[in-house]
Amino acid sequence: MMAPRLDETLMTHAPQIKSPQIRIPATYMRGGTSKGVFFRMQDLPERCRVPGDARDKLFLRVIGSPDPYAAHIDGMGGATSSTSKCVILAKSAQPDHDVDYLYGQVSIDKAFVDWSGNCGNLSTAAGAFAIHAGLIDPARVPQNGTSIVRIWQANIGKTIIAHVPVTNGQVQEIGDFELDGVTFPAAEIVLEFIDPSEEGEGGGSMFPTGNLVDDLDVPGVGTFKATMITAGIPTVFVNAEDIGYTGTELREAINNDPQQLERFEKIRVAGALRMGLIATPEEALKRQHTPKIAFVAKPKDYPASSGKQIAAGDIDLLVRAMSMGKLHHAMMGTAAVAIGTAAAVPGTLVSLAAGGGERNSVRFGHPSGTLRVGAEAKLVNGEWTVTKAIMSRSARVLMEGWVRVPGDAF
């Protein structure tokens, strides 16, 4: 039997005609220690302008998920929780706000987009993008100075105010503000998270269990002291020493240990159940972005991931946080709000790790360095509330133009 000729082989493997790629206007931005793909609502395909399957499939294809290789080679994602994100902005439908900001956390290995929370880091970029994209009334953008961008965070129904520097009528991106976890300095953007103490879906107490500290029973793992709070983003804080850590760990110490990652997920599920965020453990699969798990410890000297030495005397406490099943390389912005708020309430695990007492700001050590966050907390009718949390980040446009996706992807 004769072997097939080369031309016959090529004909056998001729490509089938598929839907051509479409292009969608988009901007790739860094915000804080995260980056994501930003869209104006009006630029999305019509069927993706409403929540649902089409929008989720579009964002999955843009990022390159689900990816069993965990590399995002065929998409814009970076195969980490900090870089697998999409954002939609539109002129606000809310009174006294400039833009509506919607955030999607794209799973790396699953066909899933989590809309259950905010990204504090990309909130910084949302303020800058609103000006870049022409979504702010030009009369409200100074020629030189600071533009106040009033953001409605649509995922959780909260207000964020971004103080964005402007030079010659354009967002100033270059500056000397240094942010640990980001290689190069940039211009400082101050964020105010207004009344961040209630989660959007139903509100309720800032401490949903009614306690500053609980005994959290984790089936198959053990029982731990925990502070569960909804400020910024639902977060479960535990003591590092209670789960066998020092609080100085870097990513490799945890992310390369599947057994430890599984243990953290069990703690997360138990916390979600106790906080009333889910009704059954199975629901946690559809809520990967929240709650966050963080562990705290008293200050110690340690080397950051860059090699920079962090001195115990320069920080109030140590915090490490899990995001989408992995230890975060720095600190999520929303978790920083939770840290600052919990530190302001005497008696929480965060406050105790920071030395106890009342405070309106805290500087904590994370894997990439340090971060300061302020919070104004007060006791009202026997319940703690926080009126504002403040922190500084930076943002920068990395690329702008169009993203391309196959037309039949969504």
Protein backbone atom coordinates (compact mmCIF):
# COMPACT_ATOMS: atom_id res chain seq x y z
CA MET A 1 0.00 0.00 0.00
CA MET A 2 1.44 3.33 -1.05
CA ALA A 3 1.82 6.13 1.50
CA PRO A 4 -0.43 9.15 0.87
CA ARG A 5 1.10 11.96 -1.12
CA LEU A 6 1.97 15.18 0.71
CA ASP A 7 -0.79 17.11 -1.09
CA GLU A 8 -3.33 14.50 0.00
CA THR A 9 -2.17 14.80 3.61
CA LEU A 10 -2.49 18.57 3.46
CA MET A 11 -6.00 18.32 2.02
CA THR A 12 -6.98 15.93 4.83
CA HIS A 13 -5.89 18.48 7.41
CA ALA A 14 -7.35 21.54 5.66
CA PRO A 15 -8.86 23.90 8.24
CA GLN A 16 -12.60 24.02 8.63
CA ILE A 17 -14.19 27.39 8.10
CA LYS A 18 -14.94 28.94 11.49
CA SER A 19 -16.30 32.27 12.62
CA PRO A 20 -13.70 35.01 12.10
CA GLN A 21 -12.31 36.93 15.03
CA ILE A 22 -14.06 40.08 16.12
CA ARG A 23 -12.33 43.01 17.75
CA ILE A 24 -13.59 44.93 20.76
CA PRO A 25 -12.16 48.24 22.01
CA ALA A 26 -10.29 47.60 25.26
CA THR A 27 -7.56 48.97 27.50
CA TYR A 28 -5.07 46.86 29.45
CA MET A 29 -4.30 48.56 32.78
CA ARG A 30 -2.40 48.08 35.97
CA GLY A 31 -4.14 49.20 39.11
CA GLY A 32 -2.28 48.80 42.40
CA THR A 33 -0.75 45.32 42.42
CA SER A 34 -3.26 43.92 39.90
CA LYS A 35 -3.91 44.33 36.21
CA GLY A 36 -6.89 43.63 33.99
CA VAL A 37 -8.69 44.27 30.73
CA PHE A 38 -10.97 47.34 30.85
CA PHE A 39 -14.03 47.91 28.67
CA ARG A 40 -16.56 50.66 28.25
CA MET A 41 -20.04 49.15 28.45
CA GLN A 42 -21.01 50.82 25.18
CA ASP A 43 -18.16 49.06 23.34
CA LEU A 44 -19.20 45.53 24.30
CA PRO A 45 -21.20 43.38 21.86
CA GLU A 46 -24.86 44.07 22.56
CA ARG A 47 -25.61 40.68 24.10
CA CYS A 48 -22.71 41.19 26.52
CA ARG A 49 -24.05 44.47 27.88
CA VAL A 50 -26.30 42.57 30.28
CA PRO A 51 -25.26 40.00 32.91
CA GLY A 52 -25.36 36.42 31.73
CA ASP A 53 -23.73 33.59 29.87
CA ALA A 54 -22.60 35.63 26.84
CA ARG A 55 -20.72 38.15 28.97
CA ASP A 56 -19.06 35.43 31.05
CA LYS A 57 -17.99 33.49 27.95
CA LEU A 58 -16.56 36.63 26.38
CA PHE A 59 -14.46 37.45 29.43
CA LEU A 60 -13.27 33.86 29.75
CA ARG A 61 -12.08 33.93 26.13
CA VAL A 62 -10.45 37.35 26.54
CA ILE A 63 -8.45 36.15 29.53
CA GLY A 64 -7.77 32.67 28.08
CA SER A 65 -9.72 30.53 30.55
CA PRO A 66 -10.30 27.81 31.42
CA ASP A 67 -6.70 26.78 30.91
CA PRO A 68 -5.59 23.31 32.10
CA TYR A 69 -1.98 24.43 31.53
CA ALA A 70 -2.49 27.36 33.97
CA ALA A 71 -0.51 29.67 31.68
CA HIS A 72 -3.06 31.81 29.77
CA ILE A 73 -0.92 31.59 26.64
CA ASP A 74 -3.98 32.12 24.42
CA GLY A 75 -5.40 35.11 26.26
CA MET A 76 -4.71 38.35 28.08
CA GLY A 77 -4.58 36.81 31.56
CA GLY A 78 -1.43 36.24 33.55
CA ALA A 79 -2.47 32.95 35.20
CA THR A 80 -2.66 34.47 38.69
CA SER A 81 -5.57 35.87 40.67
CA SER A 82 -3.98 39.33 40.34
CA THR A 83 -3.94 39.24 36.54
CA SER A 84 -7.09 37.33 35.57
CA LYS A 85 -9.56 40.21 35.74
CA CYS A 86 -11.98 42.13 33.55
CA VAL A 87 -13.67 45.46 34.26
CA ILE A 88 -16.65 47.26 32.71
CA LEU A 89 -17.26 50.98 33.18
CA ALA A 90 -20.20 53.11 32.11
CA LYS A 91 -21.57 56.54 32.90
CA SER A 92 -23.35 56.14 36.19
CA ALA A 93 -27.07 55.58 36.58
CA GLN A 94 -26.70 56.44 40.28
CA PRO A 95 -27.29 59.97 41.62
CA ASP A 96 -24.13 61.87 42.60
CA HIS A 97 -21.80 59.36 40.93
CA ASP A 98 -19.73 59.64 37.76
CA VAL A 99 -19.29 56.02 36.69
CA ASP A 100 -20.61 52.55 37.41
CA TYR A 101 -17.77 50.06 37.86
CA LEU A 102 -18.35 46.31 37.47
CA TYR A 103 -15.60 43.80 38.19
CA GLY A 104 -15.27 40.15 37.09
CA GLN A 105 -12.71 37.81 38.65
CA VAL A 106 -11.99 35.18 35.99
CA SER A 107 -11.13 31.68 37.17
CA ILE A 108 -7.93 30.28 35.71
CA ASP A 109 -8.82 26.60 35.44
CA LYS A 110 -12.63 26.67 35.45
CA ALA A 111 -15.24 28.16 33.11
CA PHE A 112 -16.36 30.62 35.74
CA VAL A 113 -16.44 34.37 36.33
CA ASP A 114 -17.02 35.48 39.93
CA TRP A 115 -19.05 38.69 40.34
CA SER A 116 -19.43 38.42 44.13
CA GLY A 117 -16.96 41.10 45.18
CA ASN A 118 -14.81 44.08 44.30
CA CYS A 119 -11.13 44.46 43.41
CA GLY A 120 -9.68 47.29 45.47
CA ASN A 121 -6.53 47.47 43.40
CA LEU A 122 -8.40 47.87 40.12
CA SER A 123 -10.66 50.44 41.78
CA THR A 124 -7.61 52.69 41.40
CA ALA A 125 -7.45 52.02 37.68
CA ALA A 126 -11.23 52.47 37.40
CA GLY A 127 -10.87 56.11 38.44
CA ALA A 128 -8.08 56.73 35.95
CA PHE A 129 -9.81 54.80 33.14
CA ALA A 130 -13.00 56.81 33.63
CA ILE A 131 -11.05 59.92 32.63
CA HIS A 132 -9.03 58.20 29.88
CA ALA A 133 -12.22 56.80 28.33
CA GLY A 134 -14.12 60.08 28.28
CA LEU A 135 -16.71 58.96 30.82
CA ILE A 136 -16.22 62.04 33.02
CA ASP A 137 -17.72 65.41 32.21
CA PRO A 138 -14.75 67.43 30.87
CA ALA A 139 -15.88 70.36 32.99
CA ARG A 140 -15.07 68.29 36.08
CA VAL A 141 -11.52 67.49 34.98
CA PRO A 142 -9.08 70.30 35.89
CA GLN A 143 -6.31 71.33 33.55
CA ASN A 144 -3.89 70.74 36.40
CA GLY A 145 -4.66 69.39 39.85
CA THR A 146 -6.75 66.54 41.18
CA SER A 147 -9.89 65.14 39.56
CA ILE A 148 -12.44 63.67 41.98
CA VAL A 149 -14.02 60.59 40.40
CA ARG A 150 -17.12 59.31 42.18
CA ILE A 151 -17.38 55.59 41.49
CA TRP A 152 -20.38 53.35 42.10
CA GLN A 153 -19.03 49.85 42.74
CA ALA A 154 -21.88 47.88 41.18
CA ASN A 155 -20.83 44.43 42.45
CA ILE A 156 -21.37 45.35 46.09
CA GLY A 157 -23.36 48.58 45.87
CA LYS A 158 -20.78 50.87 47.45
CA THR A 159 -19.20 54.27 46.77
CA ILE A 160 -15.49 54.73 46.09
CA ILE A 161 -13.96 58.16 45.60
CA ALA A 162 -10.74 58.28 43.58
CA HIS A 163 -8.47 61.33 43.75
CA VAL A 164 -6.73 61.19 40.38
CA PRO A 165 -3.83 63.56 39.57
CA VAL A 166 -4.19 65.48 36.30
CA THR A 167 -1.55 67.34 34.29
CA ASN A 168 -2.36 69.28 31.12
CA GLY A 169 -5.88 67.91 31.20
CA GLN A 170 -4.72 64.26 31.15
CA VAL A 171 -4.32 61.65 33.85
CA GLN A 172 -0.83 61.92 35.30
CA GLU A 173 0.57 58.39 35.41
CA ILE A 174 4.28 58.98 36.00
CA GLY A 175 5.47 59.95 39.46
CA ASP A 176 7.64 58.99 42.41
CA PHE A 177 5.06 57.12 44.51
CA GLU A 178 6.41 53.66 45.32
CA LEU A 179 4.10 50.73 46.01
CA ASP A 180 5.57 47.46 47.29
CA GLY A 181 4.67 44.71 44.84
CA VAL A 182 5.01 47.06 41.82
CA THR A 183 8.43 47.38 40.24
CA PHE A 184 8.37 50.98 39.04
CA PRO A 185 7.17 54.18 40.76
CA ALA A 186 4.12 56.05 39.45
CA ALA A 187 1.76 58.87 40.37
CA GLU A 188 -0.18 58.45 43.62
CA ILE A 189 -3.96 57.98 43.54
CA VAL A 190 -5.78 58.20 46.86
CA LEU A 191 -8.87 56.00 47.27
CA GLU A 192 -11.67 56.53 49.77
CA PHE A 193 -13.95 53.56 50.38
CA ILE A 194 -17.15 55.10 51.76
CA ASP A 195 -19.15 53.12 54.34
CA PRO A 196 -17.43 49.84 53.40
CA SER A 197 -18.75 47.93 56.42
CA GLU A 198 -21.70 46.23 54.77
CA GLU A 199 -21.61 43.88 51.85
CA GLY A 200 -23.96 44.75 49.05
CA GLU A 201 -26.09 41.63 49.09
CA GLY A 202 -28.35 42.23 52.04
CA GLY A 203 -26.12 44.39 54.26
CA GLY A 204 -26.22 43.55 57.94
CA SER A 205 -23.60 43.80 60.65
CA MET A 206 -19.96 44.43 59.84
CA PHE A 207 -19.35 41.32 61.96
CA PRO A 208 -21.98 38.93 60.57
CA THR A 209 -21.71 36.46 63.46
CA GLY A 210 -22.24 39.25 65.97
CA ASN A 211 -18.84 38.58 67.55
CA LEU A 212 -15.40 40.13 67.19
CA VAL A 213 -13.83 36.69 67.63
CA ASP A 214 -15.44 33.27 67.08
CA ASP A 215 -14.40 29.67 67.40
CA LEU A 216 -14.54 28.50 63.79
CA ASP A 217 -14.99 24.74 63.46
CA VAL A 218 -13.46 23.45 60.21
CA PRO A 219 -14.49 19.84 59.50
CA GLY A 220 -11.48 17.62 59.06
CA VAL A 221 -9.06 20.38 60.03
CA GLY A 222 -9.78 21.69 63.53
CA THR A 223 -11.21 24.65 65.43
CA PHE A 224 -9.57 28.07 65.23
CA LYS A 225 -10.12 31.52 66.66
CA ALA A 226 -11.39 33.71 63.83
CA THR A 227 -12.48 37.28 63.18
CA MET A 228 -15.02 37.41 60.36
CA ILE A 229 -15.72 40.82 58.85
CA THR A 230 -17.46 42.23 55.76
CA ALA A 231 -15.61 45.55 55.46
CA GLY A 232 -14.09 46.01 52.01
CA ILE A 233 -14.62 42.36 51.17
CA PRO A 234 -15.82 39.44 53.31
CA THR A 235 -12.69 38.20 55.08
CA VAL A 236 -11.89 35.50 57.63
CA PHE A 237 -8.86 36.32 59.80
CA VAL A 238 -7.08 33.61 61.78
CA ASN A 239 -3.88 33.62 63.81
CA ALA A 240 -0.84 32.43 61.86
CA GLU A 241 0.48 30.36 64.76
CA ASP A 242 -2.86 28.55 65.13
CA ILE A 243 -2.47 27.09 61.64
CA GLY A 244 1.27 26.41 61.88
CA TYR A 245 2.72 29.54 60.28
CA THR A 246 4.84 32.49 61.42
CA GLY A 247 3.23 35.18 59.27
CA THR A 248 6.46 35.80 57.35
CA GLU A 249 5.76 33.22 54.61
CA LEU A 250 6.25 34.02 50.93
CA ARG A 251 4.20 32.51 48.11
CA GLU A 252 6.38 29.47 47.47
CA ALA A 253 6.01 28.24 51.06
CA ILE A 254 2.27 27.77 50.58
CA ASN A 255 1.45 27.69 46.87
CA ASN A 256 3.72 24.72 46.23
CA ASP A 257 1.96 22.64 48.89
CA PRO A 258 -1.34 21.17 47.60
CA GLN A 259 -2.27 19.84 51.03
CA GLN A 260 -1.99 23.29 52.59
CA LEU A 261 -3.99 24.86 49.78
CA GLU A 262 -6.72 22.27 50.35
CA ARG A 263 -6.70 23.09 54.06
CA PHE A 264 -7.11 26.79 53.35
CA GLU A 265 -10.05 26.05 51.09
CA LYS A 266 -11.72 24.09 53.87
CA ILE A 267 -11.23 27.06 56.21
CA ARG A 268 -12.67 29.36 53.53
CA VAL A 269 -15.75 27.20 53.06
CA ALA A 270 -16.33 26.95 56.81
CA GLY A 271 -16.02 30.73 57.11
CA ALA A 272 -18.40 31.34 54.20
CA LEU A 273 -20.99 29.10 55.86
CA ARG A 274 -20.57 30.77 59.25
CA MET A 275 -20.86 34.24 57.70
CA GLY A 276 -24.02 33.27 55.85
CA LEU A 277 -22.48 33.88 52.43
CA ILE A 278 -23.42 30.37 51.27
CA ALA A 279 -26.00 27.85 52.45
CA THR A 280 -24.15 24.65 51.50
CA PRO A 281 -20.47 23.79 51.00
CA GLU A 282 -21.15 23.06 47.33
CA GLU A 283 -22.04 26.72 46.73
CA ALA A 284 -18.43 27.69 47.45
CA LEU A 285 -17.49 26.48 43.96
CA LYS A 286 -19.55 29.35 42.54
CA ARG A 287 -18.10 31.85 44.98
CA GLN A 288 -14.34 31.54 44.66
CA HIS A 289 -13.55 35.25 45.01
CA THR A 290 -15.12 35.64 48.46
CA PRO A 291 -14.59 35.34 51.33
CA LYS A 292 -10.86 35.88 51.60
CA ILE A 293 -8.75 33.99 54.13
CA ALA A 294 -5.97 35.91 55.88
CA PHE A 295 -3.64 35.02 58.72
CA VAL A 296 -2.07 37.53 61.07
CA ALA A 297 0.90 37.64 63.44
CA LYS A 298 2.82 40.11 65.55
CA PRO A 299 5.67 41.99 63.84
CA LYS A 300 8.87 40.13 62.94
CA ASP A 301 11.85 40.88 60.71
CA TYR A 302 11.57 39.15 57.34
CA PRO A 303 12.82 39.40 53.74
CA ALA A 304 10.18 40.44 51.19
CA SER A 305 9.91 38.60 47.89
CA SER A 306 12.11 41.27 46.26
CA GLY A 307 14.87 40.63 48.81
CA LYS A 308 14.13 43.90 50.63
CA GLN A 309 14.47 43.50 54.38
CA ILE A 310 11.36 44.46 56.38
CA ALA A 311 12.08 45.41 59.99
CA ALA A 312 9.65 44.52 62.76
CA GLY A 313 9.88 48.08 64.06
CA ASP A 314 8.54 49.46 60.76
CA ILE A 315 5.24 47.58 60.83
CA ASP A 316 2.34 47.06 63.24
CA LEU A 317 1.62 43.44 62.28
CA LEU A 318 2.09 40.78 59.62
CA VAL A 319 -0.70 39.69 57.26
CA ARG A 320 -0.80 37.07 54.53
CA ALA A 321 -3.94 36.55 52.43
CA MET A 322 -5.28 33.91 50.07
CA SER A 323 -6.90 34.88 46.78
CA MET A 324 -8.59 32.42 44.42
CA GLY A 325 -6.92 29.49 46.17
CA LYS A 326 -3.35 30.85 46.24
CA LEU A 327 -1.31 33.07 48.55
CA HIS A 328 -1.41 36.60 47.12
CA HIS A 329 1.93 38.08 46.09
CA ALA A 330 1.19 41.32 47.96
CA MET A 331 -2.23 42.32 49.32
CA MET A 332 -5.63 42.73 47.70
CA GLY A 333 -6.91 46.29 48.03
CA THR A 334 -10.26 45.21 49.43
CA ALA A 335 -8.55 42.93 51.94
CA ALA A 336 -6.42 45.91 52.97
CA VAL A 337 -9.67 47.73 53.77
CA ALA A 338 -10.74 44.75 55.88
CA ILE A 339 -7.36 44.79 57.65
CA GLY A 340 -7.51 48.51 58.38
CA THR A 341 -11.09 48.27 59.62
CA ALA A 342 -10.49 45.24 61.83
CA ALA A 343 -7.35 46.87 63.24
CA ALA A 344 -9.46 49.89 64.25
CA VAL A 345 -11.81 47.75 66.33
CA PRO A 346 -10.26 46.73 69.69
CA GLY A 347 -10.54 43.01 70.39
CA THR A 348 -10.34 41.59 66.87
CA LEU A 349 -7.51 39.22 65.99
CA VAL A 350 -6.10 41.91 63.71
CA SER A 351 -6.16 44.52 66.48
CA LEU A 352 -4.59 42.12 68.97
CA ALA A 353 -1.79 41.22 66.53
CA ALA A 354 -1.13 44.95 66.11
CA GLY A 355 -0.84 45.46 69.86
CA GLY A 356 -4.47 46.20 70.72
CA GLY A 357 -6.14 49.51 71.53
CA GLU A 358 -7.82 52.06 69.31
CA ARG A 359 -6.14 53.27 66.12
CA ASN A 360 -7.16 54.99 62.88
CA SER A 361 -4.40 53.58 60.69
CA VAL A 362 -2.18 50.53 60.50
CA ARG A 363 0.95 49.57 58.57
CA PHE A 364 1.21 45.85 57.89
CA GLY A 365 3.82 43.62 56.32
CA HIS A 366 2.84 41.45 53.34
CA PRO A 367 4.92 39.19 51.05
CA SER A 368 6.06 42.08 48.82
CA GLY A 369 6.67 44.68 51.53
CA THR A 370 4.46 47.00 53.54
CA LEU A 371 1.21 48.92 53.14
CA ARG A 372 -0.51 51.56 55.23
CA VAL A 373 -4.31 51.82 55.35
CA GLY A 374 -6.51 54.10 57.42
CA ALA A 375 -10.03 53.49 58.72
CA GLU A 376 -12.50 55.46 60.80
CA ALA A 377 -14.44 53.01 63.01
CA LYS A 378 -16.89 53.80 65.79
CA LEU A 379 -19.31 52.02 68.10
CA VAL A 380 -22.94 52.96 67.40
CA ASN A 381 -25.80 51.46 69.44
CA GLY A 382 -23.58 48.59 70.48
CA GLU A 383 -22.39 47.74 66.95
CA TRP A 384 -19.15 48.68 65.27
CA THR A 385 -19.32 50.54 61.99
CA VAL A 386 -16.76 52.15 59.72
CA THR A 387 -17.50 55.33 57.81
CA LYS A 388 -14.45 55.43 55.59
CA ALA A 389 -11.26 53.57 54.69
CA ILE A 390 -8.40 55.29 52.88
CA MET A 391 -5.30 54.05 51.07
CA SER A 392 -2.95 55.11 48.30
CA ARG A 393 -2.25 53.13 45.14
CA SER A 394 -1.24 53.95 41.57
CA ALA A 395 -2.42 53.03 38.08
CA ARG A 396 -1.12 53.07 34.53
CA VAL A 397 -2.33 52.25 31.03
CA LEU A 398 -0.20 49.39 29.68
CA MET A 399 -1.82 49.00 26.26
CA GLU A 400 -4.88 50.27 24.45
CA GLY A 401 -6.63 49.32 21.24
CA TRP A 402 -8.72 46.20 20.67
CA VAL A 403 -8.86 42.68 21.99
CA ARG A 404 -9.72 39.96 19.48
CA VAL A 405 -11.80 36.87 20.19
CA PRO A 406 -13.37 34.25 17.91
CA GLY A 407 -16.83 35.35 16.91
CA ASP A 408 -18.39 32.11 18.09
CA ALA A 409 -16.71 32.22 21.53
CA PHE A 410 -19.73 33.76 23.22
